[in-house]
Amino acid sequence: MDMDFKKAKILSNYLSRDYAETVFRFLVNYKNVSASEIASRLNMHIRPIQEFLETMTLYDIVEKEEVYEKKRPYYRYSIKKKKIEIIINLEEIFNNEEEQESDFRIRELKNSHAKFTVARNGEYFSTITIWNDKKRDSKEHRINLTKSQGKFLYYLPFPKAEPISVDNLMKKANIDNMTKQEIFDIINVLYVNKIIEKLN
């Protein structure tokens, strides 16, 4: 079952509960079982067991059937899948980010609250330090750059210079197109922190 991080987190949370193994033992060994039957065996309140079973139903691991007893309906649950897998398709989740438009141009903003530190070989930036405001003694955020990011930012146009497109800047810095997502990531960070500006 392919899922995103949020769904995987919810399912993992339920599977890690102390009573999860026992509940599944009932589901595997019994043809069907009610929440109250399981709760009574575990000497627990019915509510968390009911919630657990309903969640497993939503994830298509368990199925339920409505039955009537003395005109009062309730659900009986049975196992549907005896193998539980959590599959997160990273390529599918981040596919939209990889297809970002790159036809905009960028340059450094005037009076940005950042400091670019050059690597020892002097060929690219190794880190960038961002301050919350103009005071250098304010809280800072230091970011270690990948080599591709450092080379890209090394050629970032100054505030008064002509802005350059992302693609042309990557060519100028001689950066492999395979690292384009890294470049977009640092661009977004700098744009949000008002270190660079984007222009059409």
N, C-alpha and C. Protein backbone atom coordinates (compact mmCIF):
# COMPACT_ATOMS: atom_id res chain seq x y z
N MET A 1 0.84 -1.19 0.00
CA MET A 1 0.00 0.00 0.00
C MET A 1 0.88 1.25 0.00
N ASP A 2 0.86 2.00 -1.10
CA ASP A 2 1.62 3.24 -1.16
C ASP A 2 0.91 4.31 -0.33
N MET A 3 1.67 5.06 0.42
CA MET A 3 1.09 6.11 1.26
C MET A 3 2.08 7.24 1.44
N ASP A 4 1.57 8.37 1.90
CA ASP A 4 2.46 9.49 2.18
C ASP A 4 2.94 9.39 3.62
N PHE A 5 3.77 10.34 4.04
CA PHE A 5 4.36 10.28 5.38
C PHE A 5 3.30 10.40 6.47
N LYS A 6 2.29 11.21 6.23
CA LYS A 6 1.25 11.41 7.24
C LYS A 6 0.49 10.11 7.51
N LYS A 7 0.10 9.42 6.45
CA LYS A 7 -0.64 8.17 6.59
C LYS A 7 0.25 7.09 7.21
N ALA A 8 1.52 7.06 6.80
CA ALA A 8 2.44 6.07 7.35
C ALA A 8 2.66 6.31 8.85
N LYS A 9 2.71 7.58 9.24
CA LYS A 9 2.90 7.92 10.65
C LYS A 9 1.71 7.45 11.49
N ILE A 10 0.50 7.66 10.96
CA ILE A 10 -0.72 7.25 11.68
C ILE A 10 -0.76 5.74 11.85
N LEU A 11 -0.50 5.02 10.76
CA LEU A 11 -0.53 3.56 10.82
C LEU A 11 0.55 3.03 11.76
N SER A 12 1.74 3.58 11.66
CA SER A 12 2.84 3.16 12.53
C SER A 12 2.51 3.39 13.99
N ASN A 13 1.83 4.50 14.26
CA ASN A 13 1.45 4.83 15.63
C ASN A 13 0.53 3.76 16.21
N TYR A 14 -0.43 3.32 15.42
CA TYR A 14 -1.36 2.30 15.89
C TYR A 14 -0.67 0.94 16.02
N LEU A 15 0.19 0.61 15.07
CA LEU A 15 0.87 -0.68 15.10
C LEU A 15 1.84 -0.78 16.28
N SER A 16 2.30 0.34 16.78
CA SER A 16 3.25 0.33 17.89
C SER A 16 2.58 0.27 19.27
N ARG A 17 1.25 0.28 19.30
CA ARG A 17 0.56 0.24 20.59
C ARG A 17 0.69 -1.13 21.24
N ASP A 18 0.69 -1.13 22.56
CA ASP A 18 0.96 -2.35 23.33
C ASP A 18 0.01 -3.50 23.00
N TYR A 19 -1.22 -3.16 22.69
CA TYR A 19 -2.22 -4.19 22.46
C TYR A 19 -2.37 -4.60 21.00
N ALA A 20 -1.61 -3.98 20.09
CA ALA A 20 -1.76 -4.24 18.65
C ALA A 20 -1.53 -5.71 18.31
N GLU A 21 -0.48 -6.31 18.83
CA GLU A 21 -0.17 -7.71 18.52
C GLU A 21 -1.30 -8.64 18.96
N THR A 22 -1.84 -8.38 20.14
CA THR A 22 -2.92 -9.23 20.64
C THR A 22 -4.18 -9.09 19.80
N VAL A 23 -4.48 -7.88 19.40
CA VAL A 23 -5.66 -7.65 18.56
C VAL A 23 -5.53 -8.41 17.26
N PHE A 24 -4.36 -8.35 16.64
CA PHE A 24 -4.16 -9.06 15.38
C PHE A 24 -4.17 -10.58 15.58
N ARG A 25 -3.77 -11.04 16.75
CA ARG A 25 -3.84 -12.48 17.03
C ARG A 25 -5.29 -12.95 17.01
N PHE A 26 -6.17 -12.14 17.58
CA PHE A 26 -7.59 -12.46 17.53
C PHE A 26 -8.11 -12.45 16.09
N LEU A 27 -7.72 -11.44 15.35
CA LEU A 27 -8.21 -11.30 13.97
C LEU A 27 -7.75 -12.45 13.08
N VAL A 28 -6.55 -12.94 13.32
CA VAL A 28 -6.01 -14.04 12.51
C VAL A 28 -6.62 -15.38 12.92
N ASN A 29 -6.82 -15.59 14.21
CA ASN A 29 -7.28 -16.88 14.71
C ASN A 29 -8.80 -17.05 14.73
N TYR A 30 -9.53 -15.95 14.74
CA TYR A 30 -10.99 -16.01 14.76
C TYR A 30 -11.54 -15.71 13.38
N LYS A 31 -12.68 -16.33 13.07
CA LYS A 31 -13.33 -16.05 11.79
C LYS A 31 -13.72 -14.58 11.74
N ASN A 32 -14.31 -14.10 12.81
CA ASN A 32 -14.60 -12.68 12.99
C ASN A 32 -14.75 -12.42 14.48
N VAL A 33 -14.61 -11.18 14.89
CA VAL A 33 -14.63 -10.85 16.30
C VAL A 33 -15.12 -9.41 16.49
N SER A 34 -15.74 -9.14 17.61
CA SER A 34 -16.22 -7.79 17.88
C SER A 34 -15.22 -7.05 18.76
N ALA A 35 -15.34 -5.74 18.78
CA ALA A 35 -14.46 -4.92 19.60
C ALA A 35 -14.66 -5.23 21.08
N SER A 36 -15.89 -5.48 21.47
CA SER A 36 -16.18 -5.75 22.89
C SER A 36 -15.58 -7.08 23.32
N GLU A 37 -15.57 -8.07 22.42
CA GLU A 37 -14.99 -9.38 22.75
C GLU A 37 -13.49 -9.26 23.00
N ILE A 38 -12.82 -8.49 22.12
CA ILE A 38 -11.38 -8.30 22.30
C ILE A 38 -11.10 -7.50 23.57
N ALA A 39 -11.87 -6.44 23.77
CA ALA A 39 -11.66 -5.57 24.92
C ALA A 39 -11.84 -6.33 26.24
N SER A 40 -12.82 -7.22 26.28
CA SER A 40 -13.07 -7.97 27.51
C SER A 40 -11.92 -8.92 27.82
N ARG A 41 -11.33 -9.51 26.75
CA ARG A 41 -10.20 -10.42 26.96
C ARG A 41 -8.95 -9.67 27.43
N LEU A 42 -8.81 -8.41 26.96
CA LEU A 42 -7.66 -7.60 27.34
C LEU A 42 -7.91 -6.80 28.61
N ASN A 43 -9.15 -6.92 29.12
CA ASN A 43 -9.54 -6.16 30.30
C ASN A 43 -9.32 -4.66 30.08
N MET A 44 -9.77 -4.21 28.90
CA MET A 44 -9.64 -2.81 28.52
C MET A 44 -11.00 -2.23 28.21
N HIS A 45 -11.04 -0.88 28.14
CA HIS A 45 -12.26 -0.21 27.70
C HIS A 45 -12.42 -0.47 26.21
N ILE A 46 -13.63 -0.54 25.74
CA ILE A 46 -13.90 -0.87 24.34
C ILE A 46 -13.44 0.22 23.37
N ARG A 47 -13.42 1.47 23.83
CA ARG A 47 -13.17 2.60 22.92
C ARG A 47 -11.84 2.51 22.17
N PRO A 48 -10.68 2.30 22.83
CA PRO A 48 -9.42 2.23 22.08
C PRO A 48 -9.36 1.04 21.11
N ILE A 49 -10.02 -0.06 21.48
CA ILE A 49 -10.04 -1.23 20.59
C ILE A 49 -10.90 -0.93 19.37
N GLN A 50 -12.03 -0.29 19.60
CA GLN A 50 -12.92 0.10 18.50
C GLN A 50 -12.19 1.04 17.54
N GLU A 51 -11.49 2.00 18.10
CA GLU A 51 -10.73 2.98 17.30
C GLU A 51 -9.64 2.28 16.50
N PHE A 52 -8.97 1.34 17.12
CA PHE A 52 -7.91 0.59 16.45
C PHE A 52 -8.47 -0.20 15.26
N LEU A 53 -9.56 -0.90 15.48
CA LEU A 53 -10.17 -1.70 14.42
C LEU A 53 -10.69 -0.85 13.28
N GLU A 54 -11.27 0.29 13.61
CA GLU A 54 -11.78 1.18 12.57
C GLU A 54 -10.64 1.74 11.73
N THR A 55 -9.53 2.04 12.38
CA THR A 55 -8.36 2.55 11.65
C THR A 55 -7.81 1.49 10.71
N MET A 56 -7.73 0.26 11.18
CA MET A 56 -7.26 -0.83 10.34
C MET A 56 -8.20 -1.06 9.16
N THR A 57 -9.48 -0.79 9.39
CA THR A 57 -10.46 -0.91 8.30
C THR A 57 -10.22 0.16 7.24
N LEU A 58 -9.92 1.38 7.69
CA LEU A 58 -9.64 2.48 6.77
C LEU A 58 -8.40 2.18 5.92
N TYR A 59 -7.45 1.46 6.49
CA TYR A 59 -6.23 1.12 5.76
C TYR A 59 -6.38 -0.19 4.98
N ASP A 60 -7.61 -0.71 4.93
CA ASP A 60 -7.93 -1.89 4.14
C ASP A 60 -7.18 -3.14 4.62
N ILE A 61 -6.83 -3.16 5.91
CA ILE A 61 -6.17 -4.32 6.50
C ILE A 61 -7.21 -5.23 7.14
N VAL A 62 -8.27 -4.63 7.63
CA VAL A 62 -9.37 -5.33 8.28
C VAL A 62 -10.66 -4.96 7.57
N GLU A 63 -11.63 -5.87 7.56
CA GLU A 63 -12.94 -5.55 7.02
C GLU A 63 -14.00 -5.80 8.09
N LYS A 64 -15.09 -5.09 7.99
CA LYS A 64 -16.13 -5.21 9.01
C LYS A 64 -17.48 -5.53 8.39
N GLU A 65 -18.31 -6.13 9.20
CA GLU A 65 -19.66 -6.50 8.77
C GLU A 65 -20.64 -6.10 9.87
N GLU A 66 -21.68 -5.41 9.48
CA GLU A 66 -22.69 -4.99 10.45
C GLU A 66 -23.66 -6.14 10.71
N VAL A 67 -23.84 -6.48 11.97
CA VAL A 67 -24.76 -7.55 12.35
C VAL A 67 -25.74 -7.01 13.40
N TYR A 68 -26.81 -7.75 13.60
CA TYR A 68 -27.84 -7.31 14.55
C TYR A 68 -28.02 -8.36 15.65
N GLU A 69 -28.14 -7.87 16.84
CA GLU A 69 -28.42 -8.73 17.98
C GLU A 69 -29.44 -8.03 18.86
N LYS A 70 -30.64 -8.64 18.96
CA LYS A 70 -31.74 -8.02 19.69
C LYS A 70 -32.04 -6.62 19.15
N LYS A 71 -32.03 -6.52 17.81
CA LYS A 71 -32.33 -5.28 17.09
C LYS A 71 -31.29 -4.18 17.29
N ARG A 72 -30.19 -4.51 17.91
CA ARG A 72 -29.14 -3.53 18.12
C ARG A 72 -27.94 -3.85 17.22
N PRO A 73 -27.63 -2.97 16.29
CA PRO A 73 -26.53 -3.26 15.35
C PRO A 73 -25.15 -3.05 15.98
N TYR A 74 -24.20 -3.85 15.54
CA TYR A 74 -22.80 -3.66 15.92
C TYR A 74 -21.94 -4.29 14.83
N TYR A 75 -20.64 -4.09 14.92
CA TYR A 75 -19.75 -4.59 13.87
C TYR A 75 -18.91 -5.77 14.35
N ARG A 76 -18.71 -6.70 13.42
CA ARG A 76 -17.77 -7.79 13.65
C ARG A 76 -16.65 -7.62 12.62
N TYR A 77 -15.44 -7.83 13.07
CA TYR A 77 -14.27 -7.56 12.23
C TYR A 77 -13.54 -8.85 11.89
N SER A 78 -12.98 -8.86 10.70
CA SER A 78 -12.18 -10.01 10.26
C SER A 78 -10.95 -9.51 9.51
N ILE A 79 -9.92 -10.31 9.52
CA ILE A 79 -8.67 -9.90 8.85
C ILE A 79 -8.85 -9.96 7.34
N LYS A 80 -8.34 -8.99 6.64
CA LYS A 80 -8.43 -8.94 5.19
C LYS A 80 -7.06 -9.17 4.55
N LYS A 81 -6.04 -8.61 5.18
CA LYS A 81 -4.68 -8.79 4.69
C LYS A 81 -3.81 -9.33 5.82
N LYS A 82 -3.16 -10.44 5.58
CA LYS A 82 -2.32 -11.03 6.61
C LYS A 82 -0.85 -10.59 6.47
N LYS A 83 -0.62 -9.67 5.57
CA LYS A 83 0.71 -9.09 5.41
C LYS A 83 0.57 -7.58 5.35
N ILE A 84 1.17 -6.91 6.32
CA ILE A 84 1.07 -5.45 6.40
C ILE A 84 2.37 -4.83 5.89
N GLU A 85 2.25 -3.98 4.90
CA GLU A 85 3.42 -3.30 4.34
C GLU A 85 3.19 -1.79 4.35
N ILE A 86 4.21 -1.05 4.70
CA ILE A 86 4.17 0.41 4.62
C ILE A 86 5.15 0.82 3.53
N ILE A 87 4.62 1.27 2.42
CA ILE A 87 5.45 1.65 1.28
C ILE A 87 5.28 3.14 1.01
N ILE A 88 6.37 3.86 1.05
CA ILE A 88 6.35 5.30 0.76
C ILE A 88 7.11 5.52 -0.54
N ASN A 89 6.39 5.93 -1.56
CA ASN A 89 7.00 6.16 -2.88
C ASN A 89 7.56 7.59 -2.91
N LEU A 90 8.84 7.71 -2.60
CA LEU A 90 9.47 9.03 -2.51
C LEU A 90 9.46 9.76 -3.85
N GLU A 91 9.64 9.02 -4.93
CA GLU A 91 9.67 9.64 -6.25
C GLU A 91 8.32 10.27 -6.58
N GLU A 92 7.25 9.57 -6.23
CA GLU A 92 5.91 10.07 -6.51
C GLU A 92 5.58 11.27 -5.63
N ILE A 93 5.97 11.23 -4.35
CA ILE A 93 5.67 12.31 -3.42
C ILE A 93 6.37 13.60 -3.82
N PHE A 94 7.63 13.49 -4.20
CA PHE A 94 8.41 14.68 -4.51
C PHE A 94 8.47 15.00 -5.99
N ASN A 95 7.66 14.32 -6.78
CA ASN A 95 7.66 14.51 -8.22
C ASN A 95 7.31 15.94 -8.60
N ASN A 96 6.32 16.53 -7.91
CA ASN A 96 5.90 17.90 -8.23
C ASN A 96 7.02 18.89 -7.99
N GLU A 97 7.82 18.66 -6.95
CA GLU A 97 8.92 19.57 -6.67
C GLU A 97 9.99 19.49 -7.76
N GLU A 98 10.18 18.29 -8.28
CA GLU A 98 11.19 18.11 -9.30
C GLU A 98 10.80 18.79 -10.61
N GLU A 99 9.50 19.02 -10.80
CA GLU A 99 9.02 19.62 -12.03
C GLU A 99 8.79 21.12 -11.90
N GLN A 100 9.46 21.75 -10.96
CA GLN A 100 9.30 23.17 -10.76
C GLN A 100 9.74 23.95 -11.99
N GLU A 101 9.10 25.09 -12.20
CA GLU A 101 9.49 25.96 -13.30
C GLU A 101 10.84 26.60 -12.96
N SER A 102 11.68 26.72 -13.96
CA SER A 102 13.00 27.30 -13.72
C SER A 102 13.28 28.47 -14.66
N ASP A 103 12.22 29.05 -15.23
CA ASP A 103 12.41 30.13 -16.19
C ASP A 103 12.49 31.50 -15.52
N PHE A 104 12.47 31.56 -14.19
CA PHE A 104 12.61 32.85 -13.51
C PHE A 104 14.09 33.19 -13.35
N ARG A 105 14.35 34.47 -13.06
CA ARG A 105 15.73 34.91 -12.85
C ARG A 105 15.92 35.29 -11.39
N ILE A 106 17.15 35.22 -10.91
CA ILE A 106 17.41 35.53 -9.50
C ILE A 106 18.64 36.42 -9.35
N ARG A 107 18.70 37.08 -8.21
CA ARG A 107 19.89 37.83 -7.81
C ARG A 107 19.79 38.10 -6.31
N GLU A 108 20.90 38.48 -5.72
CA GLU A 108 20.92 38.74 -4.29
C GLU A 108 20.17 40.04 -3.99
N LEU A 109 19.46 40.05 -2.87
CA LEU A 109 18.75 41.25 -2.44
C LEU A 109 19.71 42.20 -1.75
N LYS A 110 19.46 43.48 -1.92
CA LYS A 110 20.29 44.49 -1.27
C LYS A 110 20.09 44.43 0.24
N ASN A 111 21.19 44.55 0.99
CA ASN A 111 21.16 44.55 2.45
C ASN A 111 20.54 43.27 3.03
N SER A 112 20.80 42.15 2.39
CA SER A 112 20.29 40.88 2.92
C SER A 112 21.05 40.52 4.19
N HIS A 113 20.38 39.85 5.11
CA HIS A 113 20.98 39.50 6.39
C HIS A 113 21.67 38.14 6.29
N ALA A 114 22.69 38.09 5.44
CA ALA A 114 23.37 36.81 5.24
C ALA A 114 24.86 37.02 4.95
N LYS A 115 25.62 35.98 5.26
CA LYS A 115 27.05 35.99 4.99
C LYS A 115 27.42 34.70 4.29
N PHE A 116 28.05 34.83 3.13
CA PHE A 116 28.50 33.67 2.37
C PHE A 116 29.97 33.43 2.69
N THR A 117 30.29 32.19 3.08
CA THR A 117 31.67 31.85 3.43
C THR A 117 32.29 31.01 2.32
N VAL A 118 33.44 31.45 1.83
CA VAL A 118 34.11 30.76 0.74
C VAL A 118 34.86 29.53 1.25
N ALA A 119 34.83 28.46 0.46
CA ALA A 119 35.55 27.23 0.81
C ALA A 119 37.05 27.47 0.76
N ARG A 120 37.83 26.57 1.31
CA ARG A 120 39.28 26.74 1.39
C ARG A 120 39.95 26.89 0.03
N ASN A 121 39.40 26.20 -0.97
CA ASN A 121 40.02 26.29 -2.29
C ASN A 121 39.59 27.56 -3.04
N GLY A 122 38.65 28.32 -2.46
CA GLY A 122 38.23 29.58 -3.05
C GLY A 122 37.39 29.46 -4.31
N GLU A 123 36.87 28.27 -4.59
CA GLU A 123 36.13 28.06 -5.84
C GLU A 123 34.62 28.03 -5.67
N TYR A 124 34.14 27.96 -4.44
CA TYR A 124 32.71 27.94 -4.18
C TYR A 124 32.45 28.29 -2.72
N PHE A 125 31.17 28.51 -2.39
CA PHE A 125 30.81 28.80 -1.00
C PHE A 125 30.60 27.49 -0.25
N SER A 126 31.06 27.45 0.97
CA SER A 126 30.89 26.25 1.78
C SER A 126 29.72 26.37 2.74
N THR A 127 29.47 27.57 3.23
CA THR A 127 28.36 27.80 4.17
C THR A 127 27.71 29.16 3.91
N ILE A 128 26.51 29.28 4.41
CA ILE A 128 25.83 30.58 4.40
C ILE A 128 25.20 30.77 5.78
N THR A 129 25.41 31.93 6.36
CA THR A 129 24.87 32.24 7.68
C THR A 129 23.78 33.29 7.52
N ILE A 130 22.61 33.00 8.07
CA ILE A 130 21.46 33.89 7.96
C ILE A 130 21.09 34.42 9.34
N TRP A 131 20.93 35.73 9.44
CA TRP A 131 20.51 36.34 10.70
C TRP A 131 19.04 36.75 10.64
N ASN A 132 18.37 36.75 11.78
CA ASN A 132 16.95 37.10 11.83
C ASN A 132 16.72 38.58 11.52
N ASP A 133 17.68 39.43 11.89
CA ASP A 133 17.58 40.85 11.58
C ASP A 133 18.97 41.39 11.28
N LYS A 134 19.08 42.70 11.18
CA LYS A 134 20.34 43.32 10.77
C LYS A 134 21.46 43.17 11.81
N LYS A 135 21.09 42.95 13.07
CA LYS A 135 22.10 42.83 14.12
C LYS A 135 22.79 41.48 14.04
N ARG A 136 24.11 41.51 13.94
CA ARG A 136 24.87 40.27 13.80
C ARG A 136 24.89 39.45 15.09
N ASP A 137 24.48 40.07 16.21
CA ASP A 137 24.45 39.31 17.46
C ASP A 137 23.09 38.64 17.69
N SER A 138 22.19 38.76 16.71
CA SER A 138 20.88 38.11 16.82
C SER A 138 21.02 36.63 16.48
N LYS A 139 19.95 35.89 16.63
CA LYS A 139 19.97 34.45 16.39
C LYS A 139 20.33 34.18 14.94
N GLU A 140 21.27 33.26 14.75
CA GLU A 140 21.71 32.95 13.39
C GLU A 140 21.40 31.51 13.01
N HIS A 141 21.32 31.31 11.72
CA HIS A 141 21.08 29.98 11.17
C HIS A 141 22.18 29.71 10.15
N ARG A 142 23.05 28.78 10.49
CA ARG A 142 24.16 28.45 9.59
C ARG A 142 23.82 27.21 8.80
N ILE A 143 23.94 27.31 7.48
CA ILE A 143 23.61 26.21 6.59
C ILE A 143 24.86 25.73 5.87
N ASN A 144 25.16 24.45 5.99
CA ASN A 144 26.26 23.84 5.25
C ASN A 144 25.76 23.50 3.84
N LEU A 145 26.43 24.01 2.86
CA LEU A 145 26.00 23.83 1.47
C LEU A 145 26.65 22.61 0.83
N THR A 146 25.92 21.99 -0.09
CA THR A 146 26.54 20.94 -0.91
C THR A 146 27.47 21.64 -1.90
N LYS A 147 28.35 20.91 -2.52
CA LYS A 147 29.29 21.52 -3.46
C LYS A 147 28.55 22.18 -4.61
N SER A 148 27.49 21.52 -5.08
CA SER A 148 26.71 22.09 -6.19
C SER A 148 26.03 23.39 -5.78
N GLN A 149 25.45 23.41 -4.58
CA GLN A 149 24.82 24.63 -4.09
C GLN A 149 25.85 25.74 -3.92
N GLY A 150 27.02 25.37 -3.39
CA GLY A 150 28.07 26.36 -3.18
C GLY A 150 28.57 26.97 -4.48
N LYS A 151 28.72 26.15 -5.51
CA LYS A 151 29.15 26.64 -6.81
C LYS A 151 28.08 27.52 -7.44
N PHE A 152 26.84 27.12 -7.28
CA PHE A 152 25.72 27.89 -7.83
C PHE A 152 25.66 29.28 -7.21
N LEU A 153 25.71 29.33 -5.88
CA LEU A 153 25.61 30.62 -5.18
C LEU A 153 26.86 31.47 -5.37
N TYR A 154 27.97 30.84 -5.70
CA TYR A 154 29.21 31.58 -5.94
C TYR A 154 29.05 32.53 -7.12
N TYR A 155 28.19 32.14 -8.06
CA TYR A 155 27.95 32.96 -9.25
C TYR A 155 26.64 33.76 -9.16
N LEU A 156 26.04 33.79 -7.97
CA LEU A 156 24.80 34.55 -7.78
C LEU A 156 25.06 36.03 -8.04
N PRO A 157 24.28 36.66 -8.92
CA PRO A 157 24.50 38.09 -9.23
C PRO A 157 24.30 38.98 -8.00
N PHE A 158 25.11 40.03 -7.92
CA PHE A 158 24.98 41.00 -6.83
C PHE A 158 23.69 41.79 -6.98
N PRO A 159 23.27 42.50 -5.93
CA PRO A 159 21.98 43.24 -5.96
C PRO A 159 21.79 44.16 -7.16
N LYS A 160 22.84 44.84 -7.60
CA LYS A 160 22.70 45.81 -8.70
C LYS A 160 23.01 45.19 -10.06
N ALA A 161 23.43 43.94 -10.05
CA ALA A 161 23.76 43.27 -11.31
C ALA A 161 22.50 42.76 -12.01
N GLU A 162 22.65 42.42 -13.26
CA GLU A 162 21.53 41.87 -14.03
C GLU A 162 21.19 40.47 -13.51
N PRO A 163 19.92 40.19 -13.20
CA PRO A 163 19.55 38.85 -12.72
C PRO A 163 19.76 37.79 -13.80
N ILE A 164 20.01 36.57 -13.38
CA ILE A 164 20.26 35.48 -14.31
C ILE A 164 19.29 34.34 -14.04
N SER A 165 18.87 33.64 -15.08
CA SER A 165 17.96 32.51 -14.92
C SER A 165 18.67 31.36 -14.22
N VAL A 166 17.89 30.49 -13.61
CA VAL A 166 18.45 29.35 -12.89
C VAL A 166 19.25 28.46 -13.83
N ASP A 167 18.69 28.17 -14.99
CA ASP A 167 19.38 27.30 -15.95
C ASP A 167 20.71 27.90 -16.41
N ASN A 168 20.71 29.19 -16.71
CA ASN A 168 21.95 29.83 -17.17
C ASN A 168 22.98 29.92 -16.04
N LEU A 169 22.49 30.11 -14.83
CA LEU A 169 23.40 30.18 -13.68
C LEU A 169 24.03 28.81 -13.41
N MET A 170 23.26 27.75 -13.63
CA MET A 170 23.79 26.40 -13.47
C MET A 170 24.85 26.10 -14.53
N LYS A 171 24.61 26.58 -15.74
CA LYS A 171 25.58 26.38 -16.82
C LYS A 171 26.86 27.17 -16.52
N LYS A 172 26.68 28.37 -16.03
CA LYS A 172 27.83 29.22 -15.71
C LYS A 172 28.69 28.59 -14.62
N ALA A 173 28.01 27.95 -13.66
CA ALA A 173 28.72 27.31 -12.55
C ALA A 173 29.17 25.89 -12.89
N ASN A 174 28.82 25.44 -14.10
CA ASN A 174 29.19 24.10 -14.57
C ASN A 174 28.66 23.01 -13.61
N ILE A 175 27.36 23.09 -13.35
CA ILE A 175 26.72 22.15 -12.42
C ILE A 175 25.92 21.11 -13.19
N ASP A 176 26.04 19.87 -12.76
CA ASP A 176 25.30 18.76 -13.36
C ASP A 176 23.80 18.96 -13.15
N ASN A 177 23.03 18.74 -14.20
CA ASN A 177 21.58 18.91 -14.11
C ASN A 177 20.93 17.93 -13.14
N MET A 178 21.64 16.85 -12.80
CA MET A 178 21.11 15.86 -11.86
C MET A 178 20.94 16.44 -10.46
N THR A 179 21.65 17.52 -10.17
CA THR A 179 21.58 18.14 -8.83
C THR A 179 20.62 19.32 -8.81
N LYS A 180 19.77 19.41 -9.80
CA LYS A 180 18.87 20.56 -9.93
C LYS A 180 17.94 20.71 -8.73
N GLN A 181 17.50 19.58 -8.17
CA GLN A 181 16.59 19.65 -7.02
C GLN A 181 17.30 20.26 -5.82
N GLU A 182 18.59 19.99 -5.67
CA GLU A 182 19.37 20.62 -4.59
C GLU A 182 19.37 22.14 -4.75
N ILE A 183 19.49 22.57 -5.99
CA ILE A 183 19.53 24.00 -6.29
C ILE A 183 18.20 24.66 -5.96
N PHE A 184 17.11 24.01 -6.37
CA PHE A 184 15.79 24.56 -6.07
C PHE A 184 15.56 24.64 -4.56
N ASP A 185 16.06 23.66 -3.85
CA ASP A 185 15.89 23.65 -2.40
C ASP A 185 16.54 24.85 -1.74
N ILE A 186 17.78 25.13 -2.11
CA ILE A 186 18.49 26.28 -1.49
C ILE A 186 17.91 27.60 -1.99
N ILE A 187 17.44 27.63 -3.23
CA ILE A 187 16.79 28.84 -3.74
C ILE A 187 15.57 29.17 -2.89
N ASN A 188 14.76 28.15 -2.60
CA ASN A 188 13.55 28.36 -1.79
C ASN A 188 13.90 28.86 -0.39
N VAL A 189 14.95 28.29 0.20
CA VAL A 189 15.38 28.70 1.53
C VAL A 189 15.79 30.18 1.52
N LEU A 190 16.58 30.57 0.55
CA LEU A 190 17.07 31.95 0.47
C LEU A 190 15.96 32.93 0.12
N TYR A 191 15.02 32.48 -0.70
CA TYR A 191 13.90 33.35 -1.08
C TYR A 191 12.98 33.61 0.12
N VAL A 192 12.69 32.56 0.88
CA VAL A 192 11.84 32.70 2.06
C VAL A 192 12.50 33.62 3.10
N ASN A 193 13.82 33.55 3.20
CA ASN A 193 14.55 34.36 4.17
C ASN A 193 14.96 35.73 3.61
N LYS A 194 14.46 36.05 2.42
CA LYS A 194 14.70 37.35 1.80
C LYS A 194 16.18 37.64 1.57
N ILE A 195 16.87 36.62 1.08
CA ILE A 195 18.27 36.77 0.74
C ILE A 195 18.41 37.00 -0.76
N ILE A 196 17.49 36.44 -1.52
CA ILE A 196 17.48 36.64 -2.97
C ILE A 196 16.11 37.08 -3.42
N GLU A 197 16.03 37.57 -4.63
CA GLU A 197 14.74 37.93 -5.22
C GLU A 197 14.57 37.17 -6.54
N LYS A 198 13.32 36.89 -6.87
CA LYS A 198 12.99 36.22 -8.13
C LYS A 198 12.34 37.23 -9.07
N LEU A 199 12.75 37.18 -10.30
CA LEU A 199 12.18 38.06 -11.31
C LEU A 199 11.85 37.27 -12.57
N ASN A 200 10.84 37.73 -13.28
CA ASN A 200 10.44 37.05 -14.51
C ASN A 200 11.36 37.44 -15.65
